[in-house]
Amino acid sequence: VLQDCGADCAKFQKSELEYKFNKKALERPYTSKHSWGKTYGEHKRHLEFSHDQYRELKKYAEEIGIFFTASGMDEMAVEFLHELDVPFFKVGSGDTNNFPYLEKTAKKGRPMVISSGMQSMNTMHQVYQIVKPINPNFCFLQCTSAYPLQPEDVNLRVISAYQSAFPDIPIGYSGHETGIAISVAAVAMGAKVLERHVTLDKTWKGSDHQASLEPNELAELVKAIRTVEKAMGSPIKQLLPCEMACNEKLGKSVVAKVAIPEGAILTLDMLTVKVGEPKGFPPESIFDLVGQKVKRNIEEDETITEQVVENHVKKVKC
């Protein structure tokens, strides 16, 4: 499904539960409508894929030509993913302020994608200072850890703040909102990595499904992102070849506002701007024409061309 929709990578979440949670957390009663067990530990054990299932998933991803990785939700999960030979490590927001975990993960030497939900800018500076000397190949994702995420809590402007604070690393966005508009906006702001949760059915049991995209939405998102990437284009502002037809048809020229006799010195009140036939001086030349002498009679409403202005030297546009 992910490959059909145009995604580049499928990412799961891998936990070694006894390393991620302490005993009391695993024994805590879990009575939520989303629960798959009486305790939180039972619930998580029901949902967690085994090492063999992960090996099978990675093999399948290779067969269909898509990258496969996971968020390592504890240090032992990272050890397993390293052994699995994933292309990069995802650091979930819950481990971004886990500095010993970051050091150990960075030392593995794989690229790292680090989410920043629940963190402060001060913490992100610390994360940068820990990871950068060990492993320069990492990026930060702006993220708000709420499911589903409301637009007023997204704070896309943090992307710009990260771009300014950390100009030497890519910045991306991890979204838990509904719909695609906000994620497309993140790409327009320069997000280089985009992460979204995906489900086959938003009504399924489980708290994440509601904050996920169904396959048709994912396909629409990828298509919109590819369009935006093309549309970002060049920062150089110039008349483009695709604009020539419009310019020929509707581009304006300097035109005689009144009849002008041969030998007259042009003044501003003799001139106006209209769509002219033939084309003449462009409107931005009107002030340069003031004070110049005309070589012949010019009729009212006639285009002012280079041929009728004495000693005109055409300015080269830079």
Foldseek 3Di string as FASTA:
>chain_A
DCVVLPDQEDEAAAEPVVQLDPPVQQQDADDDQLAPDRGNVNRVVVVHDDLVVLLVVCVVCVVVPHFYYYAHSGQVSLVSRLVSVGQEHEHEQVCLLVLVSLLSNLQSAHEYEYENAPHDVVSVVVSCVRNCVSYVRYEYAYEHPDAQDDPVPRPLCVQVVCCVVPVPYAYAHEHQHPAQPVRLVSVLVPHPDYHFAEDCDLPDRDRSSVSGHHSVRSSVNVVSNVVSVVVSDDPDDDCDPVCVVVCQQFFKAKFQQAKDAAFDADDLVRIDIGRAPPHAHGPVCSVVSHRWGFHGIHHHGHGDHPVGTPPDDDDDDD
